[in-house]
Amino acid sequence: MAGFSGKWDMVTKSSMGAQSSTLDIKEADGAITGATTSSMIGMLNLENGKVEGKRATWTIKMTVPMPMSLEAEVTLDSADTFVGTVKAGAFGSWPATGKRTA
């Protein structure tokens, strides 16, 4: 399976430790839609999702444990894995990895 469409396990190494989440992504016509789910923030929609080649970006507007926009930028490094960063406002950028599950 090529591209970002599918289900992913994502780990973000935040200042509060490794944060696991699942992504359900649909890619079409250069855009990404979908949602992320984690025990800390619940389920939130991906916003402003874009794809350029092997690179994708999206924003998540979380409300817990505090209101903040998370800006993800990831690059496919194989058909089933990605690497990148999540920018968390004043907290800086954190490394992130993803592995396709379906």
Protein backbone atom coordinates (compact mmCIF):
# COMPACT_ATOMS: atom_id res chain seq x y z
CA MET A 1 0.00 0.00 0.00
CA ALA A 2 1.46 3.34 -1.01
CA GLY A 3 0.94 6.74 0.51
CA PHE A 4 -0.48 7.70 3.87
CA SER A 5 -3.96 6.16 3.65
CA GLY A 6 -4.58 3.57 6.34
CA LYS A 7 -4.26 2.98 10.06
CA TRP A 8 -1.05 3.85 11.90
CA ASP A 9 0.45 3.53 15.36
CA MET A 10 2.29 6.77 16.15
CA VAL A 11 4.68 7.52 19.02
CA THR A 12 5.60 11.11 19.88
CA LYS A 13 8.49 11.58 22.30
CA SER A 14 7.14 14.58 24.21
CA SER A 15 8.50 16.37 27.26
CA MET A 16 6.02 14.23 29.26
CA GLY A 17 7.46 10.98 27.88
CA ALA A 18 6.50 8.81 24.92
CA GLN A 19 2.88 9.40 23.86
CA SER A 20 1.19 6.67 21.81
CA SER A 21 -1.71 7.33 19.49
CA THR A 22 -3.47 5.73 16.56
CA LEU A 23 -4.14 7.50 13.28
CA ASP A 24 -6.84 6.69 10.74
CA ILE A 25 -5.82 8.59 7.59
CA LYS A 26 -7.40 9.04 4.19
CA GLU A 27 -5.27 10.61 1.45
CA ALA A 28 -6.85 11.99 -1.73
CA ASP A 29 -5.90 14.73 -4.18
CA GLY A 30 -3.02 16.07 -2.11
CA ALA A 31 -5.06 16.28 1.10
CA ILE A 32 -5.17 14.24 4.29
CA THR A 33 -8.27 13.76 6.41
CA GLY A 34 -8.90 11.51 9.36
CA ALA A 35 -8.58 11.34 13.11
CA THR A 36 -6.16 10.53 15.88
CA THR A 37 -6.99 8.73 19.11
CA SER A 38 -4.99 8.49 22.32
CA SER A 39 -5.68 7.82 25.97
CA MET A 40 -4.55 11.35 26.88
CA ILE A 41 -6.48 13.47 24.37
CA GLY A 42 -9.29 11.17 23.20
CA MET A 43 -10.27 11.29 19.53
CA LEU A 44 -9.59 14.45 17.50
CA ASN A 45 -9.86 15.23 13.80
CA LEU A 46 -6.82 16.00 11.68
CA GLU A 47 -7.08 19.52 10.23
CA ASN A 48 -5.32 21.28 7.34
CA GLY A 49 -3.85 17.97 6.14
CA LYS A 50 -1.61 18.17 3.07
CA VAL A 51 0.56 15.73 1.15
CA GLU A 52 3.49 16.62 -1.10
CA GLY A 53 5.20 13.49 -2.40
CA LYS A 54 6.38 11.51 0.63
CA ARG A 55 5.81 14.42 3.06
CA ALA A 56 2.59 15.11 4.97
CA THR A 57 1.50 17.79 7.40
CA TRP A 58 -1.57 18.20 9.60
CA THR A 59 -2.75 20.03 12.71
CA ILE A 60 -4.55 18.70 15.77
CA LYS A 61 -6.32 21.12 18.11
CA MET A 62 -6.28 19.46 21.51
CA THR A 63 -8.08 20.74 24.59
CA VAL A 64 -6.72 18.42 27.32
CA PRO A 65 -4.56 18.45 29.31
CA MET A 66 -4.39 22.07 28.01
CA PRO A 67 -5.56 23.86 24.86
CA MET A 68 -2.83 23.65 22.22
CA SER A 69 -2.38 23.14 18.49
CA LEU A 70 -0.06 20.30 17.56
CA GLU A 71 1.52 20.61 14.11
CA ALA A 72 2.75 17.32 12.64
CA GLU A 73 5.23 17.07 9.77
CA VAL A 74 6.16 13.54 8.72
CA THR A 75 7.93 11.81 5.84
CA LEU A 76 7.43 8.25 4.64
CA ASP A 77 10.73 6.41 5.02
CA SER A 78 9.22 3.15 3.71
CA ALA A 79 5.77 2.02 2.58
CA ASP A 80 4.89 1.18 6.18
CA THR A 81 6.80 3.68 8.36
CA PHE A 82 7.19 7.42 8.75
CA VAL A 83 9.42 9.75 10.77
CA GLY A 84 8.96 13.39 11.62
CA THR A 85 8.21 15.96 14.28
CA VAL A 86 5.28 17.36 16.20
CA LYS A 87 5.52 21.06 17.06
CA ALA A 88 3.78 21.88 20.32
CA GLY A 89 3.77 25.66 20.62
CA ALA A 90 6.05 26.97 23.37
CA PHE A 91 7.07 23.39 24.24
CA GLY A 92 9.11 23.07 21.04
CA SER A 93 9.24 20.20 18.57
CA TRP A 94 9.22 16.51 19.48
CA PRO A 95 10.35 13.54 17.37
CA ALA A 96 7.61 11.24 16.09
CA THR A 97 7.50 7.87 14.36
CA GLY A 98 4.68 5.90 12.80
CA LYS A 99 4.11 2.30 11.75
CA ARG A 100 1.28 1.16 9.48
CA THR A 101 -1.11 -1.34 11.08
CA ALA A 102 -3.60 -1.68 8.21
